[in-house]
Protein backbone atom coordinates (compact mmCIF):
# COMPACT_ATOMS: atom_id res chain seq x y z
CA MET A 1 -18.83 -14.07 109.67
CA LYS A 2 -22.51 -13.34 110.15
CA LYS A 3 -21.72 -9.85 111.43
CA MET A 4 -19.64 -9.12 108.34
CA SER A 5 -22.47 -10.17 106.07
CA LEU A 6 -24.88 -7.88 107.91
CA VAL A 7 -22.55 -4.92 107.62
CA LEU A 8 -22.11 -5.42 103.89
CA ALA A 9 -25.82 -5.87 103.43
CA ALA A 10 -26.46 -2.59 105.19
CA VAL A 11 -23.97 -0.74 102.99
CA MET A 12 -25.46 -2.33 99.90
CA ALA A 13 -28.96 -1.30 100.82
CA THR A 14 -27.95 2.37 100.84
CA GLY A 15 -26.39 2.24 97.35
CA MET A 16 -28.42 0.06 95.09
CA ILE A 17 -29.04 2.71 92.42
CA LEU A 18 -27.17 1.60 89.31
CA THR A 19 -24.77 4.00 87.69
CA ALA A 20 -23.66 3.86 84.14
CA CYS A 21 -21.00 1.27 83.31
CA GLY A 22 -17.76 2.90 82.17
CA GLY A 23 -16.35 2.01 78.84
CA ASN A 24 -12.99 0.35 78.25
CA LYS A 25 -11.06 3.24 76.77
CA SER A 26 -12.42 6.14 78.83
CA ALA A 27 -10.08 7.16 81.63
CA GLY A 28 -12.02 6.81 84.78
CA PRO A 29 -14.91 5.39 86.73
CA SER A 30 -18.28 7.05 86.29
CA ALA A 31 -18.85 7.61 89.98
CA GLY A 32 -15.43 9.01 90.83
CA GLY A 33 -15.12 11.61 88.13
CA THR A 34 -12.01 12.28 86.02
CA THR A 35 -9.12 14.65 86.16
CA ALA A 36 -7.68 16.38 83.07
CA SER A 37 -3.92 16.58 82.60
CA ALA A 38 -1.95 19.22 80.78
CA ASN A 39 -1.67 17.12 77.62
CA GLY A 40 -5.43 16.49 77.44
CA GLU A 41 -5.43 12.90 78.78
CA THR A 42 -7.84 12.10 81.57
CA THR A 43 -7.07 9.87 84.54
CA ALA A 44 -9.11 8.29 87.28
CA PRO A 45 -8.60 9.65 90.83
CA GLY A 46 -5.66 7.72 92.25
CA GLY A 47 -4.82 6.26 88.91
CA THR A 48 -2.13 6.99 86.35
CA SER A 49 -2.22 8.21 82.80
CA GLY A 50 -1.15 6.20 79.78
CA GLY A 51 -2.48 2.77 80.81
CA LEU A 52 -5.60 0.88 79.80
CA ASP A 53 -8.97 1.53 81.46
CA LEU A 54 -10.67 -1.82 81.46
CA ALA A 55 -14.17 -2.87 82.55
CA VAL A 56 -15.04 -6.54 83.11
CA GLN A 57 -17.82 -8.59 84.64
CA VAL A 58 -16.87 -11.55 86.82
CA GLY A 59 -19.98 -11.72 89.02
CA PRO A 60 -22.42 -9.75 91.22
CA ASP A 61 -21.61 -7.93 94.49
CA PRO A 62 -19.26 -10.21 96.37
CA GLU A 63 -20.41 -11.32 99.83
CA THR A 64 -17.04 -10.04 101.14
CA ILE A 65 -13.60 -9.04 99.85
CA ASP A 66 -11.96 -9.46 103.22
CA PRO A 67 -9.29 -12.09 102.34
CA ALA A 68 -9.80 -13.91 105.61
CA LEU A 69 -13.60 -14.16 105.22
CA ASN A 70 -13.99 -14.76 101.54
CA SER A 71 -14.67 -18.29 100.22
CA ALA A 72 -16.14 -17.51 96.79
CA ALA A 73 -14.50 -17.14 93.39
CA ASP A 74 -16.04 -13.74 92.66
CA GLY A 75 -14.55 -12.23 95.81
CA ALA A 76 -11.23 -14.01 95.15
CA ASN A 77 -11.02 -12.51 91.65
CA VAL A 78 -11.07 -9.08 93.29
CA ILE A 79 -8.65 -10.03 96.08
CA VAL A 80 -5.96 -11.44 93.78
CA HIS A 81 -5.72 -8.08 92.00
CA ALA A 82 -5.53 -6.04 95.20
CA PHE A 83 -3.24 -8.30 97.29
CA GLU A 84 -0.23 -10.53 96.78
CA THR A 85 0.92 -13.60 98.72
CA LEU A 86 4.47 -14.71 99.57
CA MET A 87 4.55 -16.92 96.50
CA ILE A 88 2.22 -16.62 93.50
CA VAL A 89 1.03 -18.77 90.60
CA ASP A 90 1.94 -17.34 87.18
CA SER A 91 0.27 -17.60 83.79
CA GLU A 92 1.79 -21.08 83.25
CA ASN A 93 0.51 -22.26 86.65
CA LYS A 94 4.00 -22.37 88.11
CA ILE A 95 4.77 -21.20 91.63
CA VAL A 96 7.03 -18.17 91.47
CA PRO A 97 8.19 -15.48 93.89
CA GLY A 98 5.68 -12.89 95.01
CA GLN A 99 6.23 -10.78 98.15
CA ALA A 100 8.95 -13.25 99.05
CA GLU A 101 11.95 -13.41 96.65
CA SER A 102 12.87 -16.91 97.97
CA TYR A 103 12.29 -19.45 100.71
CA ASP A 104 14.14 -22.27 102.43
CA VAL A 105 12.86 -25.55 103.89
CA SER A 106 14.58 -27.40 106.67
CA GLU A 107 15.78 -30.96 106.08
CA ASP A 108 12.95 -32.44 108.17
CA GLY A 109 10.39 -30.41 106.22
CA MET A 110 9.10 -28.80 109.42
CA THR A 111 10.35 -25.18 109.02
CA TYR A 112 9.85 -22.82 106.13
CA THR A 113 11.75 -19.54 106.07
CA PHE A 114 10.59 -16.90 103.64
CA HIS A 115 12.85 -14.02 102.57
CA LEU A 116 10.87 -10.89 101.65
CA ARG A 117 11.82 -8.48 98.92
CA ASP A 118 13.53 -5.19 99.71
CA GLY A 119 11.38 -2.08 100.15
CA LEU A 120 7.90 -3.68 100.22
CA LYS A 121 5.10 -1.16 100.82
CA TRP A 122 1.41 -0.98 101.34
CA SER A 123 -0.72 0.93 98.88
CA ASP A 124 -0.74 3.92 101.27
CA GLY A 125 3.07 3.98 101.03
CA THR A 126 3.86 2.70 104.56
CA PRO A 127 6.39 -0.11 104.92
CA LEU A 128 5.26 -3.80 104.78
CA THR A 129 7.31 -6.22 106.88
CA ALA A 130 7.31 -9.87 107.86
CA ASN A 131 5.38 -8.94 110.98
CA ASP A 132 2.42 -8.02 108.76
CA PHE A 133 2.23 -11.69 107.68
CA VAL A 134 2.49 -12.77 111.33
CA TYR A 135 -0.47 -10.56 112.26
CA SER A 136 -2.53 -11.61 109.23
CA TRP A 137 -2.03 -15.40 109.70
CA LYS A 138 -2.90 -15.05 113.39
CA ARG A 139 -5.98 -13.12 112.41
CA LEU A 140 -6.91 -15.91 109.98
CA ALA A 141 -6.61 -18.45 112.81
CA ASP A 142 -8.50 -16.28 115.33
CA PRO A 143 -11.79 -17.90 116.25
CA ASN A 144 -13.30 -14.37 116.43
CA THR A 145 -12.53 -13.96 112.70
CA ALA A 146 -14.39 -17.19 111.85
CA ALA A 147 -12.41 -17.59 108.62
CA PRO A 148 -13.77 -20.38 106.44
CA TYR A 149 -10.28 -21.33 105.20
CA ALA A 150 -8.44 -21.15 108.53
CA ALA A 151 -8.14 -24.88 109.19
CA ASP A 152 -7.42 -25.68 105.50
CA MET A 153 -4.61 -23.15 105.26
CA LEU A 154 -3.08 -23.22 108.75
CA GLY A 155 -4.06 -26.61 110.12
CA PHE A 156 -0.52 -27.96 109.89
CA VAL A 157 1.19 -24.91 111.30
CA LYS A 158 2.51 -25.61 114.80
CA GLY A 159 0.14 -24.45 117.49
CA TYR A 160 -2.87 -24.01 115.19
CA GLU A 161 -5.34 -25.80 117.49
CA GLU A 162 -4.31 -23.61 120.43
CA ALA A 163 -4.60 -20.51 118.23
CA ALA A 164 -7.98 -21.62 116.96
CA ALA A 165 -9.08 -21.93 120.57
CA GLY A 166 -8.02 -18.30 121.22
CA ASN A 167 -4.30 -18.48 122.14
CA LEU A 168 -2.96 -16.70 119.02
CA ASP A 169 0.56 -16.45 120.22
CA ALA A 170 0.78 -20.27 120.08
CA LEU A 171 0.75 -20.17 116.25
CA GLY A 172 4.17 -21.15 114.88
CA VAL A 173 4.66 -17.99 112.76
CA SER A 174 7.27 -15.42 113.62
CA ALA A 175 9.43 -12.65 112.13
CA SER A 176 13.14 -12.97 112.92
CA ASP A 177 13.57 -9.50 111.30
CA ASP A 178 11.57 -7.21 109.04
CA LYS A 179 12.40 -9.29 105.93
CA THR A 180 12.30 -12.83 107.32
CA LEU A 181 9.19 -14.88 108.07
CA VAL A 182 9.64 -18.18 109.82
CA VAL A 183 6.85 -20.81 109.77
CA GLU A 184 7.08 -23.91 111.94
CA LEU A 185 4.84 -26.90 111.08
CA SER A 186 3.46 -29.51 113.44
CA ALA A 187 4.01 -32.20 110.80
CA PRO A 188 5.47 -32.22 107.30
CA CYS A 189 3.13 -30.93 104.59
CA VAL A 190 4.14 -31.92 101.08
CA TYR A 191 2.06 -29.11 99.58
CA PHE A 192 2.73 -26.22 101.93
CA SER A 193 4.42 -24.16 99.24
CA LYS A 194 1.10 -24.37 97.34
CA LEU A 195 -0.93 -23.27 100.44
CA VAL A 196 0.94 -20.01 100.69
CA THR A 197 -0.32 -18.96 97.26
CA HIS A 198 -3.95 -18.96 98.38
CA ALA A 199 -5.82 -15.66 98.47
CA SER A 200 -6.64 -16.04 102.20
CA MET A 201 -2.87 -16.09 102.99
CA VAL A 202 -2.23 -12.46 101.92
CA PRO A 203 -1.18 -9.85 104.47
CA VAL A 204 -3.71 -7.27 105.66
CA GLN A 205 -2.71 -3.99 107.29
CA GLN A 206 -3.12 -4.21 111.06
CA ALA A 207 -3.61 -0.46 111.49
CA SER A 208 -6.52 -0.29 109.08
CA VAL A 209 -8.22 -3.48 110.29
CA GLU A 210 -8.01 -2.48 113.94
CA ALA A 211 -9.05 1.14 113.34
CA ASN A 212 -12.07 0.24 111.23
CA GLY A 213 -13.15 -3.19 112.47
CA GLU A 214 -15.40 -5.22 110.19
CA GLN A 215 -15.87 -2.25 107.83
CA TRP A 216 -12.21 -1.97 106.85
CA SER A 217 -12.77 -3.79 103.55
CA LEU A 218 -15.75 -1.70 102.50
CA LYS A 219 -14.17 1.60 101.57
CA PRO A 220 -11.33 2.64 99.28
CA GLU A 221 -9.59 4.76 101.94
CA THR A 222 -9.41 1.83 104.38
CA TYR A 223 -8.95 -1.07 101.90
CA ILE A 224 -5.16 -0.85 102.10
CA SER A 225 -3.58 -3.52 99.98
CA ASN A 226 -0.18 -4.73 98.74
CA GLY A 227 -0.84 -6.06 95.24
CA PRO A 228 -0.74 -4.66 91.71
CA LEU A 229 -3.95 -2.60 92.10
CA LYS A 230 -5.60 -0.47 94.81
CA MET A 231 -9.31 0.27 95.30
CA ILE A 232 -10.43 3.78 94.37
CA ASP A 233 -14.21 3.47 94.16
CA TRP A 234 -17.00 1.08 95.24
CA VAL A 235 -20.66 1.66 94.46
CA PRO A 236 -22.56 -1.41 95.75
CA GLY A 237 -24.82 -2.89 93.07
CA SER A 238 -22.82 -1.08 90.33
CA HIS A 239 -19.02 -1.47 90.35
CA ILE A 240 -15.73 -1.72 92.21
CA THR A 241 -12.91 0.19 90.55
CA PHE A 242 -9.20 -0.33 91.08
CA ALA A 243 -6.25 1.71 89.89
CA LYS A 244 -2.58 0.82 89.43
CA ASN A 245 -0.78 0.68 92.79
CA GLU A 246 2.29 2.82 92.34
CA ASN A 247 3.76 1.33 95.57
CA TYR A 248 3.67 -2.22 94.30
CA TRP A 249 7.15 -3.70 93.93
CA ASN A 250 6.48 -4.63 90.26
CA ALA A 251 4.48 -1.54 89.41
CA ASP A 252 6.55 -0.80 86.22
CA LYS A 253 5.16 -4.03 84.65
CA ILE A 254 1.48 -3.24 85.31
CA THR A 255 -0.25 -2.11 82.12
CA LEU A 256 -3.58 -1.08 83.55
CA ASN A 257 -4.57 2.43 84.55
CA THR A 258 -7.89 1.31 86.04
CA LEU A 259 -9.84 -1.96 86.30
CA LYS A 260 -13.59 -1.70 86.85
CA PHE A 261 -15.38 -4.82 88.08
CA VAL A 262 -18.95 -4.22 86.88
CA LEU A 263 -21.24 -5.93 89.39
CA MET A 264 -24.01 -7.85 87.60
CA GLU A 265 -25.87 -10.98 88.61
CA ASP A 266 -28.17 -11.12 85.51
CA ALA A 267 -26.45 -12.80 82.53
CA ASN A 268 -28.62 -11.03 80.01
CA ALA A 269 -27.66 -7.64 81.42
CA ALA A 270 -24.00 -8.67 81.30
CA TYR A 271 -24.37 -9.83 77.68
CA SER A 272 -26.05 -6.53 76.76
CA ALA A 273 -23.16 -4.59 78.40
CA TYR A 274 -20.68 -6.67 76.41
CA GLN A 275 -22.51 -6.11 73.14
CA THR A 276 -22.55 -2.35 73.60
CA GLY A 277 -18.87 -2.25 74.52
CA GLU A 278 -19.40 -1.17 78.11
CA VAL A 279 -17.37 -4.17 79.26
CA SER A 280 -14.66 -6.12 77.43
CA MET A 281 -15.16 -9.42 79.18
CA ILE A 282 -18.08 -11.19 80.86
CA LYS A 283 -18.07 -14.36 82.92
CA ASP A 284 -21.84 -14.80 82.97
CA VAL A 285 -22.99 -15.68 79.47
CA PRO A 286 -26.74 -16.37 78.86
CA THR A 287 -27.00 -20.09 78.29
CA GLU A 288 -29.46 -19.63 75.40
CA GLU A 289 -26.76 -17.71 73.48
CA ILE A 290 -24.17 -20.46 73.73
CA PRO A 291 -25.19 -22.53 70.66
CA ALA A 292 -24.71 -19.45 68.46
CA LEU A 293 -21.48 -18.41 70.17
CA LYS A 294 -19.65 -21.74 69.93
CA GLY A 295 -16.75 -21.56 67.51
CA LYS A 296 -16.42 -17.80 67.62
CA GLU A 297 -13.03 -16.32 68.55
CA GLU A 298 -14.57 -14.23 71.35
CA PHE A 299 -16.20 -17.19 73.05
CA HIS A 300 -13.75 -19.04 75.34
CA VAL A 301 -14.18 -22.45 76.96
CA GLU A 302 -11.30 -23.64 79.17
CA PRO A 303 -11.10 -26.68 81.39
CA GLY A 304 -11.12 -25.75 85.03
CA MET A 305 -9.73 -27.79 87.90
CA GLY A 306 -13.09 -27.90 89.51
CA ILE A 307 -16.41 -29.71 90.06
CA SER A 308 -20.09 -28.89 90.51
CA TYR A 309 -21.88 -30.95 93.08
CA ILE A 310 -24.92 -31.13 95.38
CA ASP A 311 -24.81 -30.59 99.11
CA PHE A 312 -27.14 -32.68 101.21
CA GLN A 313 -27.67 -31.13 104.62
CA ASN A 314 -26.30 -34.25 106.37
CA GLN A 315 -27.63 -33.20 109.77
CA LYS A 316 -31.26 -32.94 108.69
CA GLU A 317 -33.78 -35.71 108.07
CA PRO A 318 -34.12 -37.50 105.72
CA PHE A 319 -30.60 -36.65 104.51
CA ASN A 320 -28.96 -37.96 107.66
CA ASN A 321 -29.67 -41.38 106.18
CA PRO A 322 -26.83 -42.41 103.80
CA ASP A 323 -29.15 -44.64 101.77
CA VAL A 324 -31.33 -41.62 100.94
CA ARG A 325 -28.29 -39.59 99.85
CA LYS A 326 -26.98 -42.51 97.75
CA ALA A 327 -30.35 -42.99 96.06
CA LEU A 328 -30.66 -39.36 95.10
CA SER A 329 -27.08 -39.30 93.78
CA LEU A 330 -27.36 -42.50 91.74
CA ALA A 331 -30.60 -41.38 90.21
CA ILE A 332 -28.91 -38.52 88.32
CA ASP A 333 -28.12 -39.11 84.67
CA ARG A 334 -24.78 -37.26 84.61
CA ASP A 335 -24.20 -37.80 80.89
CA TYR A 336 -27.57 -36.23 80.03
CA LEU A 337 -27.02 -33.44 82.49
CA ALA A 338 -23.58 -32.45 81.10
CA ASN A 339 -24.15 -33.04 77.38
CA THR A 340 -27.79 -32.15 76.93
CA VAL A 341 -28.96 -29.87 79.76
CA MET A 342 -25.54 -28.06 79.85
CA GLN A 343 -24.97 -28.31 76.08
CA GLY A 344 -21.59 -30.01 76.49
CA ILE A 345 -20.09 -27.23 78.60
CA GLY A 346 -18.35 -29.41 81.12
CA ALA A 347 -18.12 -33.21 81.41
CA PRO A 348 -20.03 -35.84 83.46
CA ALA A 349 -18.47 -36.31 86.91
CA ALA A 350 -17.72 -40.00 87.20
CA ASN A 351 -15.89 -39.53 90.49
CA PHE A 352 -15.34 -36.60 92.92
CA VAL A 353 -11.80 -35.31 92.26
CA PRO A 354 -11.90 -33.72 88.78
CA ARG A 355 -9.76 -33.91 85.70
CA GLY A 356 -6.28 -32.39 85.62
CA VAL A 357 -5.36 -32.88 89.28
CA SER A 358 -1.95 -34.53 89.65
CA ASP A 359 -1.12 -37.81 91.37
CA ALA A 360 2.09 -38.99 93.07
CA GLU A 361 4.09 -39.80 89.96
CA GLY A 362 4.98 -36.97 87.63
CA GLY A 363 2.68 -36.81 84.60
CA THR A 364 -0.06 -38.91 86.19
CA PHE A 365 -3.51 -37.75 87.15
CA PHE A 366 -5.57 -38.57 90.22
CA GLU A 367 -8.78 -39.51 88.30
CA ASP A 368 -6.86 -42.01 86.11
CA VAL A 369 -5.32 -43.66 89.15
CA THR A 370 -8.77 -43.76 90.82
CA ARG A 371 -10.18 -45.56 87.76
CA LYS A 372 -7.31 -48.01 87.74
CA ASN A 373 -7.46 -48.69 91.50
CA ASN A 374 -11.24 -49.18 91.55
CA GLY A 375 -11.56 -51.06 88.28
CA GLY A 376 -13.71 -48.29 86.81
CA ASP A 377 -15.51 -45.08 87.81
CA PHE A 378 -17.75 -44.71 90.81
CA PHE A 379 -20.74 -43.62 88.64
CA ASN A 380 -21.62 -45.67 85.63
CA VAL A 381 -22.01 -42.72 83.32
CA GLU A 382 -22.59 -44.86 80.23
CA ASN A 383 -25.15 -47.16 81.86
CA TYR A 384 -27.52 -44.84 83.78
CA GLU A 385 -30.20 -47.58 84.00
CA SER A 386 -28.04 -49.71 86.28
CA ASP A 387 -27.48 -46.76 88.64
CA VAL A 388 -31.20 -46.00 88.72
CA ALA A 389 -31.99 -49.61 89.68
CA LYS A 390 -29.56 -49.37 92.58
CA ALA A 391 -31.12 -46.01 93.55
CA LYS A 392 -34.61 -47.50 93.77
CA GLU A 393 -33.35 -50.39 95.90
CA LEU A 394 -31.62 -47.97 98.34
CA LEU A 395 -34.66 -45.73 98.62
CA ALA A 396 -36.86 -48.75 99.43
CA LYS A 397 -34.30 -49.91 101.96
CA ALA A 398 -34.48 -46.46 103.63
CA GLY A 399 -38.21 -46.95 104.02
CA TYR A 400 -39.48 -45.01 101.01
CA PRO A 401 -40.41 -47.50 98.25
CA ASP A 402 -41.12 -45.60 94.96
CA GLY A 403 -40.90 -42.39 97.08
CA LYS A 404 -43.95 -43.18 99.22
CA GLY A 405 -43.89 -41.23 102.45
CA PHE A 406 -40.86 -39.13 101.33
CA PRO A 407 -41.46 -35.49 102.26
CA ILE A 408 -41.46 -32.71 99.65
CA VAL A 409 -37.96 -31.31 99.75
CA GLU A 410 -36.47 -27.99 98.74
CA TYR A 411 -33.48 -27.50 96.39
CA MET A 412 -31.77 -24.11 96.85
CA THR A 413 -29.71 -22.50 94.09
CA ASN A 414 -28.83 -19.15 92.60
CA ASP A 415 -29.79 -18.15 89.09
CA ALA A 416 -26.50 -17.93 87.20
CA GLY A 417 -25.14 -19.91 84.28
CA TYR A 418 -26.77 -23.38 84.09
CA ASN A 419 -27.82 -23.43 87.73
CA LYS A 420 -31.58 -23.05 87.05
CA PRO A 421 -31.73 -25.56 84.13
CA VAL A 422 -29.79 -28.02 86.34
CA ALA A 423 -32.28 -27.51 89.20
CA GLU A 424 -35.16 -28.12 86.85
CA TYR A 425 -33.55 -31.28 85.56
CA LEU A 426 -33.00 -32.59 89.07
CA GLN A 427 -36.60 -31.81 89.96
CA SER A 428 -37.79 -33.80 86.99
CA CYS A 429 -35.26 -36.61 87.35
CA TRP A 430 -35.96 -37.29 91.00
CA LYS A 431 -39.76 -37.22 90.41
CA GLU A 432 -39.57 -39.60 87.44
CA ALA A 433 -36.97 -42.02 88.73
CA LEU A 434 -37.79 -42.08 92.46
CA GLY A 435 -41.18 -40.49 92.94
CA ILE A 436 -39.70 -37.64 95.08
CA LYS A 437 -41.20 -34.15 94.75
CA VAL A 438 -38.84 -31.21 94.86
CA ASP A 439 -39.48 -27.48 95.16
CA ILE A 440 -36.85 -25.12 93.67
CA LYS A 441 -35.80 -22.08 95.67
CA ILE A 442 -33.93 -19.41 93.69
CA VAL A 443 -31.90 -17.14 95.95
CA GLU A 444 -29.75 -14.09 95.14
CA TRP A 445 -26.01 -14.71 95.34
CA ALA A 446 -25.45 -12.31 98.26
CA THR A 447 -27.90 -14.31 100.36
CA PHE A 448 -27.20 -17.74 98.89
CA THR A 449 -23.62 -18.24 100.15
CA PRO A 450 -24.18 -17.34 103.83
CA THR A 451 -27.44 -19.31 103.91
CA ARG A 452 -25.70 -22.39 102.57
CA ARG A 453 -22.74 -21.99 104.87
CA ALA A 454 -25.08 -21.77 107.86
CA GLY A 455 -26.75 -25.07 106.83
CA ASP A 456 -30.09 -23.42 106.47
CA TYR A 457 -31.24 -25.59 103.57
CA GLN A 458 -32.15 -29.19 102.65
CA ILE A 459 -30.36 -29.64 99.30
CA ALA A 460 -28.22 -26.97 97.67
CA ARG A 461 -25.98 -26.53 94.66
CA ASP A 462 -22.29 -26.20 95.30
CA ALA A 463 -19.06 -26.05 93.34
CA TRP A 464 -15.38 -25.99 93.97
CA SER A 465 -12.44 -24.91 91.91
CA LEU A 466 -9.22 -26.23 93.44
CA ASP A 467 -6.99 -23.53 94.98
CA TYR A 468 -3.84 -25.55 94.36
CA ASP A 469 -2.87 -28.77 92.54
CA ASP A 470 -3.47 -31.32 95.29
CA PRO A 471 -6.61 -33.46 95.78
CA SER A 472 -6.59 -32.66 99.50
CA ASN A 473 -7.87 -29.18 98.68
CA LEU A 474 -11.20 -30.71 97.56
CA LEU A 475 -11.40 -33.67 99.84
CA ASN A 476 -10.60 -31.61 102.94
CA LEU A 477 -13.95 -29.88 102.43
CA MET A 478 -15.65 -32.89 103.97
CA MET A 479 -13.64 -32.71 107.18
CA SER A 480 -15.78 -31.84 110.19
CA THR A 481 -13.38 -28.99 111.02
CA SER A 482 -13.53 -27.31 107.56
CA GLY A 483 -15.20 -23.89 107.44
CA ASN A 484 -16.21 -24.80 103.82
CA ASN A 485 -18.00 -28.04 104.79
CA ASN A 486 -21.38 -26.74 103.60
CA ALA A 487 -22.83 -30.27 103.63
CA MET A 488 -22.33 -30.46 107.40
CA TYR A 489 -20.82 -33.90 106.93
CA ASN A 490 -19.20 -35.41 110.03
CA ASN A 491 -17.23 -38.64 109.83
CA PRO A 492 -14.45 -39.22 112.38
CA ASP A 493 -12.96 -41.96 110.23
CA LEU A 494 -12.67 -39.56 107.29
CA ASP A 495 -11.12 -36.89 109.53
CA LYS A 496 -8.52 -39.37 110.75
CA LEU A 497 -7.69 -40.56 107.25
CA LEU A 498 -7.31 -37.07 105.80
CA ASN A 499 -5.21 -35.87 108.76
CA GLU A 500 -2.90 -38.82 108.12
CA ALA A 501 -2.75 -38.05 104.43
CA ASN A 502 -1.96 -34.42 105.05
CA SER A 503 0.72 -34.96 107.73
CA THR A 504 2.91 -37.49 106.06
CA ALA A 505 6.22 -36.63 104.41
CA ASP A 506 5.84 -39.62 102.09
CA VAL A 507 4.29 -38.42 98.84
CA THR A 508 3.15 -41.88 97.78
CA GLU A 509 1.38 -42.47 101.07
CA HIS A 510 -0.20 -39.01 100.86
CA TYR A 511 -1.90 -39.80 97.55
CA ALA A 512 -2.82 -43.38 98.52
CA LYS A 513 -4.70 -42.15 101.60
CA LEU A 514 -6.41 -39.48 99.52
CA HIS A 515 -7.70 -42.20 97.14
CA GLU A 516 -9.13 -43.97 100.21
CA ALA A 517 -10.74 -40.76 101.39
CA GLU A 518 -12.40 -40.08 98.02
CA ASN A 519 -13.91 -43.60 98.07
CA MET A 520 -15.17 -43.07 101.63
CA ILE A 521 -16.88 -39.81 100.64
CA LEU A 522 -18.52 -41.30 97.58
CA ASN A 523 -19.55 -44.55 99.29
CA ASP A 524 -21.24 -42.47 102.03
CA ALA A 525 -22.74 -40.01 99.49
CA ALA A 526 -21.64 -37.08 101.62
CA ILE A 527 -22.29 -35.03 98.51
CA ALA A 528 -23.43 -35.84 94.94
CA PRO A 529 -20.97 -34.90 92.17
CA LEU A 530 -22.61 -33.53 89.01
CA ASN A 531 -20.12 -32.35 86.44
CA TYR A 532 -16.45 -31.46 86.03
CA ARG A 533 -16.37 -27.73 85.38
CA ASN A 534 -15.27 -25.91 82.29
CA GLU A 535 -15.26 -22.16 82.47
CA PHE A 536 -16.82 -20.21 79.64
CA TRP A 537 -16.79 -16.47 78.97
CA LEU A 538 -16.89 -13.82 76.29
CA GLN A 539 -13.87 -11.55 75.72
CA ASP A 540 -13.15 -8.82 73.19
CA THR A 541 -10.70 -10.24 70.64
CA LYS A 542 -8.61 -7.06 70.92
CA LEU A 543 -8.02 -7.59 74.63
CA LYS A 544 -4.63 -9.24 75.18
CA GLY A 545 -2.31 -10.08 78.05
CA THR A 546 -4.96 -11.62 80.29
CA TRP A 547 -5.12 -15.21 81.36
CA TYR A 548 -7.51 -17.63 83.05
CA SER A 549 -6.25 -19.91 85.81
CA PRO A 550 -7.85 -23.36 86.17
CA TYR A 551 -8.25 -22.53 89.87
CA GLY A 552 -11.10 -20.18 88.82
CA TYR A 553 -9.40 -16.75 88.48
CA TRP A 554 -8.94 -14.27 85.65
CA PHE A 555 -5.86 -12.02 85.72
CA PHE A 556 -6.00 -8.58 84.07
CA GLN A 557 -3.12 -6.59 85.58
CA PHE A 558 -0.98 -7.04 82.39
CA ALA A 559 -3.81 -6.41 79.93
CA THR A 560 -3.48 -4.36 76.78
CA MET A 561 -5.92 -3.44 73.98
CA GLU A 562 -4.89 -3.75 70.35
C-alpha cells in the first residue's frame, strides 16, 4: 500500500502543470487532442462520435484507482465507471445482473455459483472469463497486495485466513468453466450478494497487472477494464478522461462519448469552473455559497447512507484511555454542529449507524430499532448540557480535571466541504467545555488518507458511506482485522461479537448482535460520531440521466444533455 502511494506521488510530481478544463460539448480531452471525421464531427482518441462529452468534478487526484487498494469515495467514483462487478446496484438501489447474468445459492447458504454472460471482453478486446475473477479475488486476499477491504469482502470465503497468510490457493473461489464462478463460504453470510457489488470485487486483467506491477493503474494503455468506460488520458493534477468502451457487453446503452473527471481539491476553483461551463457538475461546493444556492434547481441535497466521525488514535496516549475518548465525544454539541456550523446540511448523529440502513424486518430501520432497544439515543442531542456534565466528570476521572495536565493535541483534517469549519468548532468546543487545547493540521487529500491509515495522527476526521445496505459494513470498521480501522481500535470482545453476527444464517440474530456491537463501540468511544451525511452538489439543469447512490457514488454513463 505504501509503495503504491509513493509511485503515484512520483508520477504526480512530474505532471502538476494544470491544463485547461474541457467543456461539456466539445468532443475530446484537451491533453489528448481531437480527430476530425468526414462529416465534421470531432471525437476523442479512443472514443466514439455522436455521444455526449461530459466534464465533472468529484474530487482531487485520487490516492489510487487500483480497485484492490482504493478505500476512498473519489477513487471509487472513477472505478465504478471503468469496471463492473458480478452483480451491480441500479438507479433504484436494487441488485441486478452485471457481469453475471444470474447466480444460484446452495440450500445451506454455503456455495454461490455465478453464471457469466456470453462473450464478455476486456476493454482491449481480449476475452474475460471466470478465471479472471478467481485471480482478482485471490489478489485482493494476497497479503502482498495489502488491500484495505480484503477482510471485509472476503472474510467469510472459505480459506480466507490461509490466503491472507500467503496460501492463495486455499481461497474457496474456482472456475468450473469459462462462464461459471463457484464461491464456497466458511459460514453462511446473509449479505454476500451485496458484497459482490462492491468496487473492490471487480476483476482486473492478470496480464496487465503482472506485466506492469504497481504502475498498471497509472496509464491508459495498461488500465485495462471491463466496465462501460475505458481510460484514454490522465494528466495528474488536471484530469482523468474516459471514453465509451465499445467492448462492454451493454455498450449500445451507453450515451457518453467521453467523461472527463476534472481533478480539483479547491472548492472555489471547482465553483468557478462550474460557473464558466467548464464542468457540468461539481461535488465540492464552497460552503459560503450554500445559503444563496438553497432552493435552486441546480443545487442538490440528497440523504446519504453515511456518517462523519472522529478517529481517536486508540493506541496513543492519552487516547488509549476510554474515559478521555468518552469525554471528548460527549463534549460535542452535535445539534449546533449540524444545524449551525454546517448550515443544516446533514443531521446530528445521535448514534453510530446512520439513517436509512435496514433492520431485520422489512420496512424497519436500524436506527429506529436502536432507539427502541436502548430507550433513547446514545447522545442526548436535545440536552447538550447533560452530556457536557458527564464529559467533565469523565475527564476528571481520567486525571485531567478541567483539562489540567492534558497535553496540547493535534486534529488532522483535509480542507474540503465543511471539514475546516468543523475542525475550528471542535477546537473551540473542547477548549471551552473541557479546557483542552487543540492545534489544527490541514493536510492535502493525497497525503491525508495514507497518513490516517498508517495511524500517524492523534485525532483525525473520518467518514463512511455504506457500501451496501447492512450495518455490518460500518460496524466492521472497528474490527482489529479491518484494513479500514483507521482508529486502530482493538477489542477482542467486539471482534468475537461481529464474527458471530456475520456468520449466522439467522437474520434476526444477525441484527440483534449488530445492535450489541454498536452499543459496545459507543460505550467504549472507539470513535466519536458527528453527523449523518447528506451529499450536496451543483449540477447543470440540462444534464439528465445521471443518478446519485446513497453509497456515495454518482453515475454518468447514461447521461444526456437537453
